[in-house]
Protein backbone atom coordinates (compact mmCIF):
# COMPACT_ATOMS: atom_id res chain seq x y z
CA MET A 1 110.90 83.61 113.22
CA THR A 2 111.31 80.45 110.87
CA LYS A 3 109.05 77.42 110.62
CA LYS A 4 111.97 75.54 111.94
CA ARG A 5 112.27 77.33 115.00
CA LYS A 6 108.40 77.58 115.66
CA ALA A 7 108.40 73.62 115.16
CA VAL A 8 111.21 73.12 117.70
CA ILE A 9 109.36 75.28 120.38
CA ALA A 10 106.18 73.46 119.53
CA GLY A 11 107.94 70.10 120.09
CA ASN A 12 109.29 71.03 123.43
CA GLU A 13 107.48 69.88 126.52
CA ILE A 14 108.58 72.75 128.57
CA SER A 15 109.29 76.06 126.89
CA GLU A 16 108.39 78.98 129.26
CA MET A 17 109.34 82.36 130.51
CA TYR A 18 109.30 82.52 134.35
CA THR A 19 109.57 85.41 136.51
CA PHE A 20 111.55 84.59 139.65
CA LEU A 21 112.83 86.65 142.74
CA LEU A 22 116.34 86.53 142.77
CA GLY A 23 118.40 88.44 145.48
CA ASP A 24 115.34 90.54 145.91
CA TYR A 25 115.08 91.60 142.25
CA GLU A 26 112.20 90.17 140.10
CA GLN A 27 113.89 88.50 136.92
CA LYS A 28 112.91 86.60 133.77
CA VAL A 29 114.15 83.45 133.34
CA LEU A 30 113.48 81.18 129.96
CA ILE A 31 113.27 77.44 130.64
CA GLU A 32 113.12 75.17 127.59
CA GLY A 33 113.64 71.51 127.19
CA LYS A 34 112.25 68.44 124.88
CA ASN A 35 110.69 66.76 128.05
CA LYS A 36 110.65 67.29 131.72
CA GLU A 37 112.53 64.28 132.67
CA LEU A 38 116.10 65.60 131.22
CA PRO A 39 118.85 66.59 133.00
CA ILE A 40 119.04 70.56 133.77
CA VAL A 41 121.61 73.02 132.79
CA ILE A 42 121.76 76.41 134.12
CA ILE A 43 123.38 78.83 132.15
CA LEU A 44 125.87 81.45 133.95
CA HIS A 45 127.12 84.01 131.15
CA GLY A 46 130.24 85.97 131.03
CA GLY A 47 130.73 89.77 130.93
CA PRO A 48 129.60 91.01 133.74
CA GLY A 49 126.54 91.70 131.63
CA THR A 50 126.99 89.75 128.49
CA PRO A 51 124.52 86.95 127.72
CA ILE A 52 126.24 85.86 124.73
CA PRO A 53 125.46 83.05 123.09
CA PHE A 54 122.74 81.79 125.61
CA SER A 55 120.24 84.23 126.56
CA ALA A 56 116.62 84.47 127.40
CA GLY A 57 115.99 85.67 123.63
CA CYS A 58 116.87 81.93 122.51
CA ARG A 59 113.67 80.26 122.68
CA GLY A 60 113.83 77.63 119.85
CA MET A 61 117.07 78.35 118.77
CA PHE A 62 119.41 75.53 120.08
CA PRO A 63 117.57 72.25 119.49
CA GLU A 64 120.69 70.35 119.98
CA PHE A 65 120.93 71.46 123.56
CA THR A 66 117.00 71.34 124.23
CA ASN A 67 116.69 68.03 122.96
CA ALA A 68 119.49 66.68 125.27
CA PHE A 69 119.28 68.98 128.41
CA ILE A 70 116.36 71.46 130.06
CA MET A 71 118.08 74.63 129.40
CA VAL A 72 117.84 77.41 131.85
CA TYR A 73 118.35 81.02 130.18
CA TRP A 74 119.10 83.77 132.70
CA ASP A 75 120.05 87.07 131.65
CA GLN A 76 121.66 88.11 134.87
CA LEU A 77 120.45 91.38 136.35
CA GLY A 78 121.79 94.45 134.75
CA CYS A 79 121.31 93.20 131.03
CA GLY A 80 119.46 91.67 128.22
CA ILE A 81 115.70 91.33 129.33
CA ASN A 82 116.64 91.68 132.87
CA ASN A 83 118.34 95.25 132.33
CA TYR A 84 118.81 97.25 135.42
CA ILE A 85 121.39 99.95 136.56
CA ILE A 86 124.39 98.05 138.20
CA ASP A 87 125.45 100.64 140.58
CA GLU A 88 128.36 100.57 143.24
CA HIS A 89 126.56 98.81 145.86
CA PHE A 90 126.40 95.57 143.76
CA THR A 91 129.36 93.00 144.54
CA VAL A 92 130.23 89.76 143.29
CA ASP A 93 128.31 88.04 146.09
CA SER A 94 125.22 89.97 145.11
CA PHE A 95 125.13 87.90 142.12
CA VAL A 96 126.31 84.90 143.85
CA ASP A 97 123.37 85.17 146.00
CA MET A 98 121.23 85.67 142.79
CA THR A 99 122.79 82.43 141.53
CA MET A 100 121.94 80.59 144.58
CA ASP A 101 118.26 81.48 144.54
CA LEU A 102 117.88 80.62 140.77
CA ILE A 103 119.20 76.84 141.64
CA GLU A 104 116.75 76.77 144.44
CA LYS A 105 113.81 77.98 142.42
CA VAL A 106 114.58 75.34 139.71
CA LYS A 107 114.93 72.61 142.38
CA GLU A 108 111.31 73.78 143.52
CA LEU A 109 110.15 73.14 139.94
CA PHE A 110 112.08 70.04 139.02
CA PRO A 111 112.72 68.13 142.41
CA GLN A 112 113.85 64.78 140.60
CA ASN A 113 116.28 66.16 138.08
CA PRO A 114 120.03 66.60 138.19
CA ILE A 115 121.16 70.05 137.97
CA TYR A 116 124.32 71.15 136.16
CA LEU A 117 126.05 74.49 135.39
CA PHE A 118 127.52 75.84 132.28
CA ALA A 119 129.72 78.84 133.14
CA MET A 120 131.44 81.03 130.92
CA SER A 121 134.40 83.59 132.28
CA TRP A 122 132.70 85.82 134.52
CA GLY A 123 130.12 82.97 135.17
CA THR A 124 132.66 80.91 136.13
CA ILE A 125 133.50 82.89 139.32
CA LEU A 126 129.80 82.43 140.13
CA SER A 127 130.06 78.56 139.68
CA ALA A 128 133.02 78.45 141.85
CA LYS A 129 131.79 80.57 144.59
CA VAL A 130 128.37 78.87 144.69
CA LEU A 131 130.14 75.60 145.45
CA GLU A 132 132.02 77.31 147.73
CA ARG A 133 129.12 78.39 149.72
CA SER A 134 127.39 74.80 149.33
CA GLY A 135 129.65 72.23 147.81
CA THR A 136 127.00 69.69 146.21
CA ILE A 137 124.17 72.19 145.65
CA VAL A 138 124.55 71.07 141.96
CA ASN A 139 125.81 67.66 140.30
CA GLY A 140 128.43 69.14 138.65
CA VAL A 141 129.97 72.17 136.14
CA VAL A 142 131.15 72.52 132.75
CA ALA A 143 133.13 75.96 132.58
CA TRP A 144 134.63 77.61 129.64
CA GLY A 145 137.45 80.20 130.37
CA GLN A 146 137.72 79.53 133.85
CA ILE A 147 138.73 82.44 135.84
CA VAL A 148 141.61 81.69 138.62
CA LYS A 149 143.41 84.73 139.24
CA ASP A 150 145.44 87.67 137.59
CA VAL A 151 143.03 88.40 134.78
CA PHE A 152 144.50 90.42 132.32
CA PHE A 153 147.48 91.37 134.66
CA ASN A 154 149.42 88.23 134.09
CA GLU A 155 152.96 87.78 132.32
CA GLU A 156 151.41 85.92 129.25
CA VAL A 157 149.25 89.23 128.65
CA PHE A 158 152.32 91.57 128.73
CA ARG A 159 154.54 88.96 126.77
CA SER A 160 151.91 88.83 124.20
CA LEU A 161 151.24 92.34 123.79
CA GLU A 162 154.98 93.01 123.67
CA THR A 163 155.46 90.67 120.78
CA SER A 164 152.38 92.29 118.99
CA LYS A 165 151.99 95.31 116.77
CA LEU A 166 150.37 97.20 119.63
CA PRO A 167 152.03 100.57 119.67
CA PRO A 168 154.63 101.35 122.21
CA LYS A 169 152.87 103.96 123.93
CA LYS A 170 149.83 102.09 124.48
CA LEU A 171 152.06 99.49 125.88
CA GLU A 172 153.73 101.56 128.37
CA LEU A 173 150.29 102.91 129.63
CA ILE A 174 148.97 99.42 129.99
CA LYS A 175 152.12 98.54 132.05
CA GLY A 176 151.76 101.53 134.19
CA ILE A 177 148.04 100.72 135.13
CA ASP A 178 147.52 100.38 138.99
CA LYS A 179 144.73 97.53 138.82
CA LYS A 180 143.43 98.37 142.52
CA ASN A 181 142.70 101.90 141.23
CA ILE A 182 141.81 100.78 137.72
CA SER A 183 139.17 103.05 135.51
CA SER A 184 136.83 102.12 132.93
CA ASN A 185 139.26 103.53 130.30
CA ASP A 186 141.97 101.34 131.70
CA MET A 187 139.97 98.56 131.25
CA GLU A 188 138.82 99.31 127.52
CA LEU A 189 142.52 100.05 126.75
CA ILE A 190 143.75 96.52 128.05
CA SER A 191 140.87 94.42 126.95
CA GLY A 192 140.66 96.32 123.47
CA SER A 193 144.28 95.64 122.91
CA VAL A 194 144.26 92.03 123.65
CA GLY A 195 141.38 91.50 121.59
CA LYS A 196 142.86 93.58 118.43
CA TYR A 197 146.52 92.52 118.77
CA THR A 198 146.48 89.15 120.28
CA ASN A 199 144.69 85.69 119.96
CA GLY A 200 143.57 85.89 123.57
CA TYR A 201 140.01 86.67 122.94
CA GLN A 202 139.30 85.01 119.64
CA ASN A 203 141.91 82.92 117.87
CA LYS A 204 142.04 84.16 114.15
CA ASN A 205 142.92 80.76 112.86
CA GLY A 206 139.71 79.08 114.52
CA LYS A 207 136.42 78.76 113.00
CA LYS A 208 133.94 81.19 114.16
CA ALA A 209 130.81 80.58 115.69
CA PRO A 210 127.73 81.52 113.44
CA MET A 211 127.14 84.95 114.87
CA GLY A 212 124.95 86.04 111.81
CA SER A 213 122.37 83.44 112.41
CA MET A 214 122.28 84.12 116.23
CA ILE A 215 121.99 87.63 115.94
CA TYR A 216 118.90 87.05 113.33
CA GLY A 217 117.72 84.66 115.91
CA LEU A 218 117.67 87.13 118.74
CA LEU A 219 116.15 90.04 116.39
CA THR A 220 113.28 87.67 115.65
CA SER A 221 112.75 86.08 119.14
CA PRO A 222 109.12 85.96 120.68
CA ASP A 223 110.53 87.25 123.89
CA TYR A 224 112.81 89.89 123.03
CA THR A 225 112.10 93.46 122.16
CA PHE A 226 114.84 95.65 120.35
CA CYS A 227 115.49 97.12 123.79
CA ASP A 228 116.38 93.62 125.08
CA PHE A 229 118.75 92.86 122.33
CA LYS A 230 120.35 96.10 122.67
CA ALA A 231 120.97 95.58 126.24
CA MET A 232 122.96 92.51 125.72
CA ILE A 233 125.96 94.93 125.32
CA TRP A 234 124.79 98.53 126.22
CA ASN A 235 123.25 97.93 129.44
CA GLY A 236 123.25 98.65 133.21
CA TYR A 237 126.90 97.96 133.72
CA GLN A 238 128.10 100.73 131.86
CA GLY A 239 130.57 102.58 133.96
CA ASN A 240 130.54 100.28 136.86
CA ILE A 241 134.04 99.32 137.66
CA ALA A 242 133.65 98.04 141.06
CA LEU A 243 132.89 94.57 139.79
CA TRP A 244 135.98 94.70 138.05
CA LYS A 245 138.00 95.88 140.78
CA GLU A 246 136.80 92.74 142.60
CA ILE A 247 137.30 90.42 139.81
CA LEU A 248 141.08 91.86 139.43
CA SER A 249 141.91 91.09 143.10
CA MET A 250 140.37 87.60 143.34
CA ASP A 251 142.26 84.22 143.73
CA LEU A 252 139.95 81.20 143.33
CA SER A 253 142.85 78.81 143.45
CA ASP A 254 141.85 77.09 146.64
CA VAL A 255 138.04 77.33 146.22
CA ILE A 256 138.68 75.27 143.00
CA ARG A 257 141.26 73.09 144.31
CA ASN A 258 138.56 71.72 146.97
CA MET A 259 135.61 71.15 144.49
CA GLN A 260 133.36 68.36 145.82
CA VAL A 261 131.61 67.53 142.53
CA PRO A 262 132.95 67.06 138.84
CA TYR A 263 133.92 70.40 137.59
CA MET A 264 135.11 70.19 133.95
CA VAL A 265 136.95 72.99 132.54
CA ILE A 266 137.52 73.74 128.77
CA GLN A 267 140.08 76.20 127.70
CA GLY A 268 141.13 77.80 124.51
CA ASP A 269 144.83 76.98 123.96
CA THR A 270 145.47 80.79 123.20
CA ASP A 271 143.35 82.10 126.16
CA ILE A 272 145.72 84.48 127.98
CA VAL A 273 142.99 86.43 129.67
CA THR A 274 141.93 83.70 132.03
CA SER A 275 145.27 81.95 131.47
CA THR A 276 145.25 78.43 130.12
CA LYS A 277 148.58 77.71 131.48
CA GLU A 278 147.41 78.69 134.78
CA VAL A 279 144.39 76.35 135.13
CA GLN A 280 146.19 73.44 133.62
CA SER A 281 148.85 73.95 136.40
CA LEU A 282 146.06 74.22 138.76
CA PHE A 283 144.33 71.08 137.91
CA GLU A 284 147.38 68.97 137.41
CA GLN A 285 148.81 70.10 140.94
CA SER A 286 145.43 69.64 142.73
CA GLY A 287 145.26 65.99 143.45
CA ASN A 288 141.64 66.27 143.31
CA ASP A 289 139.84 63.50 140.67
CA PHE A 290 136.75 65.96 140.25
CA LEU A 291 138.75 68.43 138.19
CA LYS A 292 139.37 67.74 134.74
CA CYS A 293 140.64 69.98 131.96
CA ARG A 294 140.32 69.92 128.00
CA ILE A 295 142.32 72.18 125.70
CA VAL A 296 140.49 73.16 122.50
CA SER A 297 143.07 74.07 119.65
CA ASN A 298 142.91 77.28 117.76
CA SER A 299 140.67 78.86 120.30
CA GLY A 300 140.81 81.93 122.80
CA HIS A 301 138.64 82.88 125.59
CA MET A 302 135.60 83.21 123.48
CA PRO A 303 134.43 79.84 122.23
CA GLY A 304 134.32 79.42 118.41
CA SER A 305 132.42 76.49 116.62
CA GLU A 306 134.94 73.84 117.74
CA GLY A 307 134.64 75.11 121.40
CA MET A 308 130.57 75.02 121.57
CA GLU A 309 130.88 71.39 120.40
CA ALA A 310 133.50 70.57 122.99
CA VAL A 311 131.06 72.07 125.67
CA PHE A 312 127.83 70.30 124.28
CA GLU A 313 130.10 66.87 124.61
CA ALA A 314 131.32 67.69 128.05
CA LEU A 315 127.80 68.23 129.23
CA LYS A 316 126.54 65.07 127.62
CA PHE A 317 129.60 63.17 129.39
CA LEU A 318 128.72 64.89 132.90
CA CYS A 319 125.06 63.96 132.63
CA GLY A 320 125.72 60.49 131.56
CA ASN A 321 124.58 60.87 127.80
CA GLY A 322 127.96 60.56 126.39
């Protein structure tokens, strides 16, 4: 660990790994901030099962964020420091329950602080469904890659693959997938094809996030073992298709349309996984002043450097610091 990172950690008034009972499972959660009066940002990462870029191994890694907010880093059950086998009995609501529990635990620790969510991709399902249950449980949300409906299985994906260099045989296989009976191999085929042959996941013209320094930071984390690091990718979600079947059947349009707190979505302009056009259309037609949408150029479903800068500015604005 570098001297700079050690100094950041030492300079934070709060930098502690807590163990909370979330959805009846003990889970470790890192909470870190410059002082205890800052607004709180709870991270709901993507995947399911991919705690990147913010994870429980990030102590001292993001001083720009921890100087402005108290950051709550939670590796959701099944990955990272909370690796666990996610079998078929887990549902989306299981993770909504855990999220609700986490919010309540944070409120007990910081009863006077406003609480916001930063959700990414799969995490935006959790943020939306938490607010469906309790419309004002948090003060607001910033979301990147908002899931609304028809994830992967939409006309934008098919058109992009048709005009790409994807081999015709693979295209036919993708078009023949029955999403109600989708397999793990089917998911790998369509997600891998979108990632390799389109700008849907990462825009090849955008400025990339500094992955090298993030990986080094996680490998030298005071909280992560190598097994925790490995479990950011290879973890308890391997082989689980039940959650994806739920995701692929979802339509969150009405839930999002009826938000009762500020809900700011940031989308990459070439994101076809969670269709940017779909999100724009929903927000424009909603008539709900709480819904705001910003588009980041040369960005796909995974935020690059410009995307993370946009997220930081949106959080500052939402918290009244912008």
